[in-house]
Amino acid sequence: MELHQLRYLEAVARTRSFTKAAAECHVTQPTLSHQIGKLEQEMGGPLLRRSRDGAQLTTLGEKMRAHARAILATVESARLDASSLARIVQGRVRLGVIPTVAPYLLPRILTLCRKRHPELVFEISESPTQVLVADLARGELDAIIISPPVDTAHPLHLRPLFEDEFLVALPRGHRLASRRRLRLADLRDEAMILLGDAHCLRGQALDLCRRAGYAPRIAIQSAQLDTVLGLVEAGLGLSLVPASARPSLRHRQVEFRPLGPERASRQIALAWMHPAVPIHFLEAVAELARRSVSKISKTRARPNA
């Protein structure tokens, strides 16, 4: 006796049709008839009979249907219990995050995760994009938060989190600070302070300038975004920074201005390859990350923020 044979019997008894039951069970009618025939052989007699009014259960078939219903109900209950247990978000997630996201977003993301899923444990790694992708490919990380696109031979599964707007950071009192919005062309002759080559934010800033028709004059490079803002504060140049970092950089005496007339932004996404943790863990993390940064993704820069 097989579960699919019991399902076929229940479907025929309910629809009173071998044809309808086969379509409902996604098998051919000969396959369904053959399997019910095998069940009848095992039970020692006919379970169904055909008539002008459709397929009808025999006395033996009625008894067998009652048992079939009880068995199938028990199996479904066990399946639902197992599914519910499997979807409890608990366990360990090894999460890699790029440095221009980690210190600014992880505190709020992990705070929300702790409230919603206290059994979820995170191991955090903070590295540039290519290092994270390599660690992911080696199975040393379960997922990474990056800014695509990414140059990699490994296929990535991406869940977009939010759009991170670019802002111009300039010293207070700078001649451009009087404007509410700046164009990329306004920065053409300004000394720029950017992150080092390993950071995707640097490449994105350079690409924005190139699309505006010029190569920026890079005066200083640094490995930390807070250091970049410290150098801007000292009047050594301007920079392009992500809006998500602004709340954590307000201790710096700098001005932030949005770009216009069109906004410039980068996408932040959760990525994985073949995770060792269930996909619903990662989907839960992605959903909480989207919620925790929703205000950032919707808020435009304000002067003197």
Protein backbone atom coordinates (compact mmCIF):
# COMPACT_ATOMS: atom_id res chain seq x y z
CA MET A 1 0.00 0.00 0.00
CA GLU A 2 1.40 3.39 -1.06
CA LEU A 3 0.31 6.89 -0.05
CA HIS A 4 -0.21 7.91 -3.66
CA GLN A 5 -2.61 4.99 -4.13
CA LEU A 6 -4.67 6.23 -1.18
CA ARG A 7 -4.68 9.75 -2.64
CA TYR A 8 -5.86 8.39 -5.99
CA LEU A 9 -8.66 6.43 -4.30
CA GLU A 10 -9.79 9.50 -2.33
CA ALA A 11 -9.72 11.67 -5.46
CA VAL A 12 -11.85 9.22 -7.49
CA ALA A 13 -14.33 8.82 -4.62
CA ARG A 14 -14.67 12.60 -4.27
CA THR A 15 -14.88 13.48 -7.98
CA ARG A 16 -16.63 10.24 -9.00
CA SER A 17 -14.47 10.32 -12.11
CA PHE A 18 -11.22 8.61 -13.04
CA THR A 19 -10.55 11.35 -15.59
CA LYS A 20 -11.04 14.24 -13.15
CA ALA A 21 -9.11 12.44 -10.42
CA ALA A 22 -6.16 11.86 -12.76
CA ALA A 23 -6.08 15.53 -13.75
CA GLU A 24 -6.28 16.60 -10.11
CA CYS A 25 -3.44 14.26 -9.14
CA HIS A 26 -1.35 15.29 -12.17
CA VAL A 27 -1.02 11.77 -13.58
CA THR A 28 -2.40 10.05 -16.65
CA GLN A 29 -5.65 8.16 -16.35
CA PRO A 30 -4.02 4.79 -17.18
CA THR A 31 -1.46 5.37 -14.42
CA LEU A 32 -4.18 6.17 -11.90
CA SER A 33 -6.29 3.16 -12.94
CA HIS A 34 -3.25 0.88 -12.73
CA GLN A 35 -2.35 2.04 -9.23
CA ILE A 36 -5.92 1.62 -7.97
CA GLY A 37 -5.93 -1.85 -9.53
CA LYS A 38 -2.80 -2.73 -7.57
CA LEU A 39 -4.46 -1.46 -4.38
CA GLU A 40 -7.54 -3.60 -5.10
CA GLN A 41 -5.31 -6.65 -5.54
CA GLU A 42 -3.68 -5.98 -2.18
CA MET A 43 -7.05 -5.42 -0.48
CA GLY A 44 -8.51 -8.59 -1.99
CA GLY A 45 -11.46 -7.11 -3.88
CA PRO A 46 -12.81 -4.22 -5.98
CA LEU A 47 -12.89 -0.80 -4.36
CA LEU A 48 -14.65 1.06 -7.17
CA ARG A 49 -17.20 0.30 -9.84
CA ARG A 50 -18.06 2.33 -12.89
CA SER A 51 -21.68 3.26 -13.68
CA ARG A 52 -23.61 5.79 -15.73
CA ASP A 53 -23.51 8.09 -12.69
CA GLY A 54 -19.72 7.86 -12.51
CA ALA A 55 -17.31 5.92 -10.33
CA GLN A 56 -18.79 4.68 -7.06
CA LEU A 57 -17.24 3.01 -4.04
CA THR A 58 -18.01 -0.57 -3.21
CA THR A 59 -18.66 -1.62 0.38
CA LEU A 60 -15.00 -2.54 0.67
CA GLY A 61 -14.13 0.75 -0.99
CA GLU A 62 -16.13 2.74 1.57
CA LYS A 63 -14.25 1.09 4.41
CA MET A 64 -10.94 1.60 2.66
CA ARG A 65 -11.72 5.26 1.99
CA ALA A 66 -12.31 5.86 5.71
CA HIS A 67 -8.88 4.40 6.48
CA ALA A 68 -7.33 6.36 3.60
CA ARG A 69 -8.74 9.63 4.90
CA ALA A 70 -7.38 8.97 8.40
CA ILE A 71 -3.93 8.04 7.07
CA LEU A 72 -3.73 11.03 4.74
CA ALA A 73 -4.87 13.39 7.50
CA THR A 74 -2.17 12.07 9.80
CA VAL A 75 0.49 12.46 7.12
CA GLU A 76 -0.63 16.04 6.36
CA SER A 77 -0.60 16.92 10.05
CA ALA A 78 2.94 15.59 10.37
CA ARG A 79 3.99 17.54 7.28
CA LEU A 80 2.57 20.80 8.66
CA ASP A 81 4.24 20.26 12.02
CA ALA A 82 7.58 19.57 10.36
CA SER A 83 7.20 22.60 8.08
CA SER A 84 6.37 24.84 11.02
CA LEU A 85 9.36 23.58 12.97
CA ALA A 86 11.68 23.95 9.98
CA ARG A 87 10.65 27.55 9.48
CA ILE A 88 11.54 28.60 13.02
CA VAL A 89 14.30 31.11 12.42
CA GLN A 90 17.02 29.85 14.68
CA GLY A 91 20.63 28.83 14.29
CA ARG A 92 23.86 30.43 13.12
CA VAL A 93 24.31 32.70 10.10
CA ARG A 94 27.81 33.64 8.97
CA LEU A 95 27.25 37.05 7.43
CA GLY A 96 29.84 39.09 5.54
CA VAL A 97 29.31 42.82 5.05
CA ILE A 98 31.19 45.47 3.09
CA PRO A 99 32.86 48.13 5.32
CA THR A 100 30.77 50.99 3.90
CA VAL A 101 27.63 49.26 5.16
CA ALA A 102 28.64 47.28 8.25
CA PRO A 103 29.16 50.00 10.92
CA TYR A 104 26.18 52.04 9.79
CA LEU A 105 23.49 49.44 9.17
CA LEU A 106 24.42 46.32 11.14
CA PRO A 107 23.53 47.77 14.56
CA ARG A 108 19.96 48.52 13.50
CA ILE A 109 19.59 45.32 11.46
CA LEU A 110 20.87 43.07 14.26
CA THR A 111 18.83 44.91 16.88
CA LEU A 112 15.66 44.19 14.92
CA CYS A 113 16.76 40.58 14.32
CA ARG A 114 17.36 40.13 18.04
CA LYS A 115 13.82 41.32 18.80
CA ARG A 116 12.11 39.26 16.11
CA HIS A 117 14.30 36.14 16.10
CA PRO A 118 16.22 35.86 19.39
CA GLU A 119 17.41 32.34 18.55
CA LEU A 120 19.28 33.55 15.47
CA VAL A 121 23.04 33.89 16.06
CA PHE A 122 25.25 35.95 13.75
CA GLU A 123 28.95 35.66 13.02
CA ILE A 124 29.98 38.88 11.26
CA SER A 125 32.87 39.38 8.84
CA GLU A 126 33.73 42.80 7.44
CA SER A 127 35.78 42.91 4.23
CA PRO A 128 35.80 44.44 0.73
CA THR A 129 33.50 42.91 -1.87
CA GLN A 130 35.93 40.60 -3.64
CA VAL A 131 37.15 39.14 -0.36
CA LEU A 132 33.58 38.46 0.73
CA VAL A 133 32.72 36.82 -2.60
CA ALA A 134 35.79 34.58 -2.36
CA ASP A 135 34.91 33.58 1.22
CA LEU A 136 31.35 32.88 0.12
CA ALA A 137 32.56 30.66 -2.73
CA ARG A 138 34.75 28.69 -0.31
CA GLY A 139 31.81 28.10 1.98
CA GLU A 140 33.25 30.23 4.79
CA LEU A 141 30.23 32.55 4.74
CA ASP A 142 26.52 31.83 4.35
CA ALA A 143 25.55 35.22 2.90
CA ILE A 144 27.00 38.65 2.22
CA ILE A 145 25.67 42.20 2.06
CA ILE A 146 27.24 43.94 -0.92
CA SER A 147 26.62 46.57 -3.57
CA PRO A 148 26.14 44.91 -6.99
CA PRO A 149 27.06 44.44 -9.72
CA VAL A 150 29.94 42.16 -8.77
CA ASP A 151 32.62 40.81 -11.08
CA THR A 152 32.58 37.10 -10.25
CA ALA A 153 32.49 33.78 -12.06
CA HIS A 154 30.28 32.37 -9.31
CA PRO A 155 26.50 32.71 -9.73
CA LEU A 156 24.98 34.81 -6.96
CA HIS A 157 21.42 34.81 -5.67
CA LEU A 158 20.51 38.42 -4.88
CA ARG A 159 17.78 39.91 -2.70
CA PRO A 160 17.75 43.72 -3.11
CA LEU A 161 17.51 45.54 0.21
CA PHE A 162 17.41 49.26 -0.64
CA GLU A 163 18.81 52.03 -2.81
CA ASP A 164 21.56 53.99 -1.05
CA GLU A 165 21.72 57.58 -2.28
CA PHE A 166 25.08 59.29 -2.88
CA LEU A 167 25.66 62.58 -1.09
CA VAL A 168 28.41 65.15 -1.51
CA ALA A 169 30.35 65.70 1.73
CA LEU A 170 32.07 69.09 1.97
CA PRO A 171 33.60 71.19 4.77
CA ARG A 172 31.36 73.66 6.53
CA GLY A 173 31.82 77.10 5.02
CA HIS A 174 32.82 75.70 1.63
CA ARG A 175 31.72 77.87 -1.29
CA LEU A 176 29.45 75.06 -2.60
CA ALA A 177 27.72 74.64 0.76
CA SER A 178 25.37 77.53 -0.03
CA ARG A 179 23.61 75.39 -2.65
CA ARG A 180 20.82 73.03 -1.68
CA ARG A 181 21.73 70.56 -4.43
CA LEU A 182 24.92 69.94 -6.37
CA ARG A 183 25.65 68.61 -9.82
CA LEU A 184 28.53 66.24 -10.43
CA ALA A 185 29.95 68.86 -12.79
CA ASP A 186 30.28 71.20 -9.80
CA LEU A 187 32.93 68.88 -8.39
CA ARG A 188 35.10 68.82 -11.50
CA ASP A 189 37.80 71.14 -10.16
CA GLU A 190 37.59 70.09 -6.53
CA ALA A 191 40.12 67.90 -4.72
CA MET A 192 38.46 64.58 -3.91
CA ILE A 193 39.05 62.26 -0.97
CA LEU A 194 38.08 58.66 -1.70
CA LEU A 195 38.45 55.21 -0.24
CA GLY A 196 41.21 52.88 -1.47
CA ASP A 197 41.10 50.58 -4.49
CA ALA A 198 39.69 47.59 -2.59
CA HIS A 199 36.40 49.34 -1.85
CA CYS A 200 33.49 49.22 -4.28
CA LEU A 201 32.43 52.70 -3.11
CA ARG A 202 35.55 54.15 -4.69
CA GLY A 203 34.79 52.56 -8.06
CA GLN A 204 31.20 53.74 -7.89
CA ALA A 205 32.29 57.33 -7.15
CA LEU A 206 34.76 57.26 -10.03
CA ASP A 207 32.12 55.86 -12.35
CA LEU A 208 29.72 58.67 -11.46
CA CYS A 209 32.35 61.27 -12.31
CA ARG A 210 33.27 59.56 -15.56
CA ARG A 211 29.63 59.52 -16.63
CA ALA A 212 29.60 63.26 -15.95
CA GLY A 213 32.48 63.60 -18.41
CA TYR A 214 35.60 63.95 -16.27
CA ALA A 215 38.11 62.10 -14.11
CA PRO A 216 38.13 63.46 -10.55
CA ARG A 217 41.28 64.92 -9.03
CA ILE A 218 41.99 62.50 -6.19
CA ALA A 219 43.98 64.25 -3.48
CA ILE A 220 43.90 61.63 -0.71
CA GLN A 221 42.90 57.99 -0.34
CA SER A 222 41.94 56.32 2.93
CA ALA A 223 40.84 52.89 4.15
CA GLN A 224 38.04 54.11 6.44
CA LEU A 225 34.97 56.18 5.61
CA ASP A 226 35.11 57.98 8.97
CA THR A 227 38.69 58.98 8.20
CA VAL A 228 37.57 60.28 4.81
CA LEU A 229 35.02 62.48 6.57
CA GLY A 230 37.66 63.64 9.04
CA LEU A 231 39.82 64.78 6.14
CA VAL A 232 36.85 66.52 4.54
CA GLU A 233 36.18 68.20 7.88
CA ALA A 234 39.78 69.47 7.87
CA GLY A 235 39.14 71.16 4.51
CA LEU A 236 41.39 68.87 2.48
CA GLY A 237 38.80 68.02 -0.16
CA LEU A 238 35.29 66.78 -0.92
CA SER A 239 33.93 63.26 -1.10
CA LEU A 240 30.97 61.21 -2.25
CA VAL A 241 29.45 59.16 0.56
CA PRO A 242 26.40 56.89 0.97
CA ALA A 243 23.36 58.38 2.67
CA SER A 244 23.06 55.31 4.91
CA ALA A 245 26.29 56.38 6.67
CA ARG A 246 25.18 59.96 7.34
CA PRO A 247 23.45 59.40 10.72
CA SER A 248 26.64 57.83 12.08
CA LEU A 249 28.85 60.62 10.74
CA ARG A 250 27.05 63.61 12.22
CA HIS A 251 29.83 64.12 14.73
CA ARG A 252 31.90 65.43 11.83
CA GLN A 253 31.72 69.14 11.03
CA VAL A 254 30.76 68.57 7.41
CA GLU A 255 27.86 69.45 5.13
CA PHE A 256 25.92 66.88 3.10
CA ARG A 257 24.24 67.80 -0.17
CA PRO A 258 22.25 65.60 -2.56
CA LEU A 259 23.13 65.33 -6.21
CA GLY A 260 20.74 66.58 -8.86
CA PRO A 261 18.80 67.02 -10.97
CA GLU A 262 18.76 63.21 -11.00
CA ARG A 263 19.55 61.22 -7.87
CA ALA A 264 22.63 59.03 -7.90
CA SER A 265 22.50 55.87 -5.84
CA ARG A 266 23.86 52.38 -5.44
CA GLN A 267 21.95 49.21 -4.68
CA ILE A 268 22.58 47.28 -1.49
CA ALA A 269 21.67 43.59 -1.64
CA LEU A 270 21.91 40.34 0.29
CA ALA A 271 23.69 37.66 -1.74
CA TRP A 272 24.35 33.95 -1.33
CA MET A 273 25.42 30.97 -3.45
CA HIS A 274 24.65 27.59 -1.90
CA PRO A 275 23.94 28.38 1.74
CA ALA A 276 24.50 25.88 4.51
CA VAL A 277 21.55 27.43 6.35
CA PRO A 278 17.92 27.21 5.13
CA ILE A 279 16.87 29.79 2.58
CA HIS A 280 14.10 31.06 4.88
CA PHE A 281 16.82 32.14 7.35
CA LEU A 282 18.25 34.40 4.68
CA GLU A 283 14.84 35.61 3.53
CA ALA A 284 14.08 36.57 7.13
CA VAL A 285 17.36 38.48 7.38
CA ALA A 286 16.65 40.23 4.06
CA GLU A 287 13.15 41.24 5.17
CA LEU A 288 14.38 42.61 8.49
CA ALA A 289 17.17 44.47 6.73
CA ARG A 290 14.67 46.08 4.37
CA ARG A 291 12.50 47.14 7.29
CA SER A 292 15.39 48.52 9.31
CA VAL A 293 16.62 50.76 6.49
CA SER A 294 13.27 51.75 4.98
CA LYS A 295 13.53 55.28 6.31
CA ILE A 296 16.99 55.69 4.83
CA SER A 297 15.88 54.54 1.40
CA LYS A 298 12.96 56.98 1.39
CA THR A 299 14.62 60.04 2.89
CA ARG A 300 16.35 62.63 0.78
CA ALA A 301 19.32 64.55 2.14
CA ARG A 302 18.58 67.76 3.99
CA PRO A 303 20.90 70.77 4.17
CA ASN A 304 22.90 71.09 7.38
CA ALA A 305 21.95 67.47 8.32
